[in-house]
């Protein structure tokens, strides 16, 4: 079954100190599943790589290798969200609009959401969105 994955999951795939069993299981499931992400995911992943370099948690080489590896995964970018719905979710649950974009996508496509973000997971539960790795 396809699923929505947020950048916290990608971060756990990249940074050794953030690796965990739940996100590893999601990665293993991608042999049979696909991932749907908002366009925002493209930017968030690159931002976490840059921040990792600035904080000396990674290098430009490991970032490039990760992006090459990530490109091999079955990740599809969704169409732009309904802006008013995203704003409504962000306001209702005190989320950033970025996090609300993942929740909006999971709701719109009726897909489970994989996140390690506690606030986003709590909002998903309230909205009746199935969670993976929460």
Foldseek 3Di string as FASTA:
>chain_A
DEAEEAVLLVVLVQQVVNPDDQSVVVVVCQVPYAYEYAPVRVVSLVVVVVVCVVVVRDHPVSSVVSVVVVVVTRYDHDDFFDVVQLVVLCVVQVHDSRLSRSLRVCVVVVHAYEDPDPSSVVSNVVVVHHYGPD
